[in-house]
Protein backbone atom coordinates (compact mmCIF):
# COMPACT_ATOMS: atom_id res chain seq x y z
CA MET A 1 131.82 -60.80 -65.78
CA ASN A 2 133.37 -58.31 -63.26
CA GLU A 3 131.47 -57.56 -60.07
CA HIS A 4 130.33 -54.00 -60.00
CA ILE A 5 132.25 -51.96 -57.51
CA SER A 6 130.47 -48.83 -56.26
CA VAL A 7 132.74 -45.81 -56.71
CA LEU A 8 133.38 -43.26 -53.80
CA LYS A 9 130.92 -45.16 -51.65
CA THR A 10 132.34 -44.16 -48.24
CA GLU A 11 132.57 -40.47 -49.41
CA ALA A 12 129.03 -40.56 -50.76
CA LEU A 13 127.51 -42.10 -47.68
CA ASP A 14 129.37 -39.53 -45.40
CA ALA A 15 128.04 -36.70 -47.56
CA LEU A 16 124.42 -37.96 -47.35
CA GLN A 17 124.80 -38.15 -43.47
CA VAL A 18 122.42 -41.12 -43.48
CA ASN A 19 120.03 -41.16 -40.37
CA ALA A 20 118.07 -44.26 -39.36
CA THR A 21 114.40 -44.38 -40.60
CA GLN A 22 114.83 -41.46 -43.02
CA TRP A 23 114.26 -41.93 -46.73
CA TYR A 24 116.86 -41.45 -49.45
CA ILE A 25 116.68 -41.74 -53.20
CA ASP A 26 119.37 -43.68 -54.97
CA ALA A 27 118.66 -42.29 -58.54
CA THR A 28 121.00 -44.74 -60.23
CA PHE A 29 120.46 -48.20 -58.48
CA GLY A 30 122.64 -50.24 -60.80
CA ARG A 31 123.77 -53.28 -58.68
CA GLY A 32 122.63 -51.63 -55.46
CA GLY A 33 126.03 -50.97 -53.89
CA HIS A 34 125.24 -47.56 -52.65
CA THR A 35 121.75 -48.53 -51.69
CA ARG A 36 122.97 -51.50 -49.60
CA ALA A 37 125.30 -49.10 -47.77
CA ILE A 38 122.34 -46.76 -47.02
CA LEU A 39 120.24 -49.57 -45.84
CA GLU A 40 123.08 -50.87 -43.59
CA ARG A 41 123.17 -47.49 -41.92
CA GLY A 42 119.49 -47.67 -41.13
CA GLY A 43 118.20 -45.55 -44.01
CA ARG A 44 115.36 -46.39 -46.31
CA VAL A 45 115.62 -46.13 -50.02
CA ILE A 46 113.75 -45.46 -53.23
CA GLY A 47 115.84 -46.67 -56.03
CA PHE A 48 115.56 -45.57 -59.64
CA ASP A 49 116.93 -47.30 -62.61
CA CYS A 50 115.89 -47.27 -66.25
CA ASP A 51 117.68 -50.56 -66.89
CA GLN A 52 115.30 -53.46 -66.58
CA ASP A 53 118.15 -55.78 -65.88
CA ALA A 54 119.18 -53.68 -62.89
CA VAL A 55 115.74 -53.66 -61.50
CA ALA A 56 115.35 -57.45 -61.91
CA PHE A 57 118.68 -57.75 -60.10
CA GLY A 58 117.48 -55.64 -57.29
CA GLU A 59 114.17 -57.48 -56.78
CA ALA A 60 116.10 -60.86 -56.73
CA ASN A 61 119.03 -59.72 -54.29
CA PHE A 62 117.08 -57.22 -52.01
CA ALA A 63 113.81 -59.24 -51.76
CA GLN A 64 113.82 -59.12 -47.93
CA GLU A 65 114.46 -55.30 -47.99
CA ILE A 66 111.67 -54.76 -50.41
CA GLN A 67 109.22 -57.04 -48.35
CA ASP A 68 110.18 -55.13 -45.22
CA GLY A 69 109.16 -51.85 -46.94
CA ARG A 70 112.68 -50.50 -46.58
CA LEU A 71 113.43 -50.42 -50.27
CA ILE A 72 111.19 -49.46 -53.22
CA LEU A 73 112.40 -49.95 -56.83
CA ILE A 74 111.21 -47.95 -59.78
CA ASN A 75 112.08 -48.93 -63.33
CA GLN A 76 112.36 -45.27 -64.63
CA ASN A 77 114.97 -42.81 -65.81
CA PHE A 78 115.95 -40.30 -63.21
CA GLY A 79 114.83 -37.52 -65.52
CA LYS A 80 111.18 -38.50 -64.39
CA LEU A 81 112.20 -38.21 -60.65
CA LYS A 82 109.75 -35.63 -59.49
CA ASP A 83 106.69 -37.20 -61.13
CA SER A 84 107.61 -40.71 -59.94
CA TRP A 85 108.26 -39.45 -56.43
CA GLU A 86 104.98 -37.51 -56.22
CA ARG A 87 102.98 -40.67 -57.40
CA LEU A 88 104.88 -42.70 -54.85
CA ARG A 89 104.48 -40.26 -52.05
CA THR A 90 100.57 -40.35 -52.62
CA GLU A 91 100.40 -44.13 -52.79
CA LYS A 92 102.80 -45.01 -50.02
CA ASP A 93 102.52 -41.99 -47.68
CA ILE A 94 106.26 -41.65 -47.43
CA PRO A 95 107.60 -38.71 -45.60
CA ALA A 96 110.34 -36.19 -46.92
CA ILE A 97 113.50 -37.30 -48.79
CA ALA A 98 116.59 -36.57 -46.62
CA GLY A 99 119.08 -37.06 -49.44
CA ILE A 100 119.51 -37.97 -53.07
CA LEU A 101 122.45 -39.82 -54.77
CA PHE A 102 123.27 -39.67 -58.49
CA ASP A 103 126.01 -41.97 -59.86
CA PHE A 104 126.22 -41.16 -63.44
CA GLY A 105 127.61 -43.39 -66.11
CA VAL A 106 127.59 -47.08 -66.91
CA SER A 107 127.81 -50.03 -64.56
CA SER A 108 130.36 -52.94 -64.82
CA PRO A 109 127.58 -55.48 -65.75
CA GLN A 110 126.40 -53.30 -68.53
CA ILE A 111 129.94 -53.05 -69.97
CA ASP A 112 130.78 -56.60 -69.48
CA THR A 113 127.42 -58.00 -71.06
CA ALA A 114 128.37 -58.35 -74.73
CA GLU A 115 124.85 -58.28 -76.06
CA ARG A 116 124.37 -54.82 -74.55
CA GLY A 117 126.92 -53.33 -76.87
CA PHE A 118 128.50 -50.93 -74.46
CA SER A 119 132.10 -52.16 -74.91
CA PHE A 120 134.61 -53.15 -77.58
CA ILE A 121 136.20 -55.67 -75.08
CA HIS A 122 133.43 -58.12 -76.06
CA ASN A 123 132.06 -58.40 -79.57
CA GLY A 124 128.37 -57.59 -79.65
CA PRO A 125 125.61 -55.50 -81.40
CA LEU A 126 125.99 -51.74 -81.44
CA ASP A 127 123.09 -51.18 -79.07
CA MET A 128 124.28 -49.25 -75.93
CA ARG A 129 120.72 -48.58 -74.65
CA MET A 130 120.53 -48.46 -70.88
CA ASP A 131 116.76 -48.73 -71.10
CA LYS A 132 115.78 -51.36 -73.74
CA ARG A 133 112.35 -49.53 -74.24
CA LEU A 134 114.27 -46.77 -76.16
CA GLY A 135 113.96 -46.94 -79.91
CA VAL A 136 117.36 -45.64 -81.13
CA GLN A 137 120.48 -47.71 -80.89
CA ALA A 138 124.11 -46.74 -81.48
CA LYS A 139 124.19 -48.36 -84.83
CA ASP A 140 121.23 -46.21 -85.89
CA LEU A 141 123.17 -42.98 -85.05
CA LEU A 142 126.11 -44.33 -87.21
CA ILE A 143 123.69 -44.69 -90.15
CA VAL A 144 121.62 -41.60 -90.08
CA LEU A 145 123.73 -38.71 -88.67
CA PRO A 146 125.61 -36.58 -91.16
CA GLU A 147 129.34 -36.51 -90.98
CA LYS A 148 129.53 -33.11 -89.36
CA GLN A 149 127.12 -34.15 -86.57
CA LEU A 150 129.07 -37.31 -85.92
CA ALA A 151 132.26 -35.35 -85.61
CA GLU A 152 130.49 -32.92 -83.28
CA LEU A 153 129.08 -35.80 -81.17
CA PHE A 154 132.48 -37.55 -80.81
CA TRP A 155 134.16 -34.25 -79.88
CA VAL A 156 131.67 -32.87 -77.38
CA TYR A 157 130.72 -36.13 -75.61
CA GLY A 158 133.99 -37.91 -75.99
CA GLY A 159 136.65 -35.31 -76.25
CA GLU A 160 138.00 -37.29 -79.37
CA GLU A 161 140.66 -35.28 -81.08
CA GLN A 162 140.43 -37.29 -84.29
CA SER A 163 136.60 -36.89 -84.42
CA ARG A 164 136.39 -35.37 -87.98
CA ARG A 165 138.74 -38.13 -89.25
CA ILE A 166 136.78 -40.95 -87.66
CA ALA A 167 133.36 -39.54 -88.76
CA LYS A 168 134.57 -39.35 -92.29
CA MET A 169 135.70 -42.95 -92.17
CA ILE A 170 132.25 -43.97 -90.84
CA VAL A 171 130.27 -42.21 -93.51
CA GLN A 172 132.50 -43.66 -96.16
CA GLN A 173 132.14 -47.15 -94.77
CA ARG A 174 128.37 -47.02 -94.43
CA THR A 175 127.85 -46.49 -98.03
CA ARG A 176 129.21 -50.01 -98.50
CA LYS A 177 128.25 -51.82 -95.36
CA PRO A 178 127.01 -50.05 -92.09
CA PHE A 179 128.59 -51.03 -88.84
CA THR A 180 126.57 -53.42 -86.84
CA THR A 181 128.93 -54.77 -84.21
CA THR A 182 131.25 -53.27 -81.57
CA GLN A 183 134.18 -55.20 -82.89
CA GLU A 184 133.67 -53.92 -86.39
CA LEU A 185 133.55 -50.37 -85.29
CA ALA A 186 136.50 -50.58 -82.91
CA GLU A 187 138.80 -52.25 -85.50
CA ALA A 188 137.84 -49.60 -88.01
CA ILE A 189 138.73 -46.78 -85.52
CA SER A 190 141.96 -48.44 -84.78
CA LYS A 191 143.03 -48.25 -88.36
CA VAL A 192 142.17 -44.60 -88.56
CA LYS A 193 143.62 -43.74 -85.07
CA PRO A 194 146.69 -45.85 -84.07
CA ARG A 195 147.00 -46.49 -80.40
CA THR A 196 149.44 -44.10 -78.56
CA GLY A 197 148.63 -44.39 -74.78
CA HIS A 198 146.87 -46.67 -72.36
CA LEU A 199 143.41 -45.97 -73.85
CA HIS A 200 142.02 -48.16 -76.55
CA PRO A 201 141.59 -45.87 -79.71
CA ALA A 202 137.88 -46.44 -79.73
CA THR A 203 137.25 -45.56 -76.10
CA LYS A 204 136.14 -42.02 -76.58
CA VAL A 205 133.92 -42.68 -79.56
CA PHE A 206 132.12 -45.53 -77.64
CA GLN A 207 131.66 -43.11 -74.67
CA ALA A 208 130.13 -40.42 -76.93
CA LEU A 209 127.77 -42.84 -78.57
CA ARG A 210 126.66 -44.28 -75.35
CA MET A 211 125.99 -40.84 -73.98
CA ALA A 212 124.04 -39.75 -77.02
CA VAL A 213 121.94 -42.90 -77.24
CA ASN A 214 120.79 -42.46 -73.72
CA SER A 215 120.51 -38.75 -73.72
CA GLU A 216 122.61 -38.78 -70.55
CA VAL A 217 123.58 -34.95 -70.30
CA ASP A 218 119.92 -33.88 -70.99
CA SER A 219 118.68 -36.36 -68.36
CA ILE A 220 121.11 -34.85 -65.81
CA GLU A 221 119.91 -31.30 -66.70
CA ALA A 222 116.30 -32.33 -66.26
CA ALA A 223 116.87 -34.34 -63.04
CA LEU A 224 118.92 -32.06 -60.83
CA PRO A 225 116.39 -29.17 -60.50
CA GLN A 226 113.82 -31.81 -59.73
CA ALA A 227 116.07 -33.19 -57.02
CA LEU A 228 116.31 -29.75 -55.55
CA GLU A 229 112.56 -29.61 -55.28
CA VAL A 230 112.13 -33.17 -53.89
CA VAL A 231 114.93 -33.07 -51.17
CA GLN A 232 113.84 -31.72 -47.86
CA ALA A 233 115.27 -28.50 -46.32
CA GLY A 234 118.81 -29.21 -45.09
CA GLY A 235 118.97 -32.37 -47.28
CA LYS A 236 121.86 -33.33 -49.49
CA ILE A 237 122.26 -33.86 -53.27
CA VAL A 238 125.29 -36.05 -54.07
CA THR A 239 126.61 -36.46 -57.59
CA ILE A 240 129.26 -38.77 -58.96
CA SER A 241 130.43 -37.93 -62.50
CA PHE A 242 132.80 -39.64 -64.90
CA HIS A 243 132.83 -37.41 -67.72
CA GLU A 244 133.85 -33.69 -67.88
CA GLY A 245 130.73 -32.67 -69.58
CA GLU A 246 128.58 -34.16 -66.77
CA ASP A 247 130.67 -32.67 -64.04
CA ARG A 248 130.54 -29.25 -65.70
CA VAL A 249 126.73 -29.35 -65.68
CA VAL A 250 126.64 -30.30 -61.91
CA LYS A 251 129.25 -27.64 -61.03
CA HIS A 252 127.64 -24.73 -62.91
CA LEU A 253 124.10 -25.68 -61.60
CA PHE A 254 125.35 -25.96 -57.97
CA GLN A 255 126.91 -22.41 -58.33
CA LYS A 256 123.69 -21.15 -59.86
CA TRP A 257 121.67 -22.49 -56.84
CA GLN A 258 124.15 -20.95 -54.34
CA ASP A 259 123.83 -17.52 -56.03
CA LYS A 260 120.10 -17.73 -55.79
CA GLY A 261 120.32 -18.67 -52.12
CA TYR A 262 118.97 -22.27 -52.38
CA GLY A 263 121.90 -23.57 -50.37
CA GLN A 264 125.55 -24.29 -50.94
CA PRO A 265 128.05 -26.76 -52.24
CA LEU A 266 129.93 -28.38 -49.49
CA ASP A 267 133.42 -28.51 -51.23
CA LYS A 268 135.11 -25.89 -53.45
CA LYS A 269 136.63 -28.67 -55.44
CA ALA A 270 135.31 -32.13 -56.44
CA VAL A 271 136.15 -35.11 -54.26
CA MET A 272 138.34 -37.60 -56.20
CA PRO A 273 138.96 -41.27 -55.52
CA THR A 274 141.99 -42.16 -53.46
CA GLU A 275 145.02 -43.87 -55.00
CA ALA A 276 144.03 -47.04 -53.17
CA GLU A 277 140.47 -46.99 -54.68
CA VAL A 278 141.88 -46.41 -58.17
CA THR A 279 144.28 -49.33 -57.80
CA HIS A 280 141.54 -51.47 -56.53
CA ASN A 281 139.06 -50.29 -59.15
CA PRO A 282 140.64 -48.68 -62.25
CA ARG A 283 137.18 -47.71 -63.65
CA SER A 284 136.93 -45.16 -60.79
CA ARG A 285 139.87 -43.09 -61.97
CA SER A 286 137.89 -40.33 -63.61
CA ALA A 287 135.16 -39.99 -60.90
CA LYS A 288 134.32 -36.67 -59.33
CA LEU A 289 131.92 -36.35 -56.36
CA ARG A 290 130.20 -33.11 -55.49
CA VAL A 291 127.61 -32.23 -52.77
CA PHE A 292 124.95 -29.55 -52.54
CA ALA A 293 123.27 -28.90 -49.15
CA LYS A 294 119.81 -27.47 -49.54
CA LYS A 295 119.13 -24.34 -47.27
CA GLU A 296 117.72 -25.08 -44.00
CA SER A 297 114.07 -23.83 -43.65
């Protein structure tokens, strides 16, 4: 299994301007790379993650920080950020939040664990749930969604140009035997869409299914306004997106906030990984970082 490498870590930490003893929210804890960097700079962290495996990892690998009261982990989707924070503020008497970091997308351990079903690299069940408490899996969407909706899903969330052709194939196939494993689906897509570039033919479909199963765009749209309420005046909201749809939501919302006088984005264009980072960590190649500074009181 590949070690998870936090993307744009230095840029994200510089944007947060971490100060010792202040509290920050890592809305996507994952394997704790960004959280550890905040802690090393003296900050304190509330880490959110809907993935039970990620929280268990954090409890095992950050036990001292948790015991010292410098890290609090919450097994919850960041779409519930405000409610979770308000409960925690009452229970723990924690002061204001100086900055919030969102690192959207999927972690390397999720991709590399076959039984999670996120990737066609390893054969596993078509699951793709980040939160195992969710009911609907990827295989369920392939069974119940009409052909037109499947095609739209693959196009909107994956940018798949052969979306209609692939959707038609899936609907035809499921009348005989529905897809249940990642390998079955990936091989079937490869027959419909021959490989032409460096991406595997199934890459965009798998991305689209993952985003749909986990309602990722909906969660982002719900969480960002909550983050603006929770972060203190002058605080920073930092986002790292890996998909054009995610980045578009962030960009438009930051512009809307600026127009309403809530603060301002700190960069006109998204910050991208350096060539050196992409070489070291190819999964970072599509990442875009944006920062919004809430207006000083």
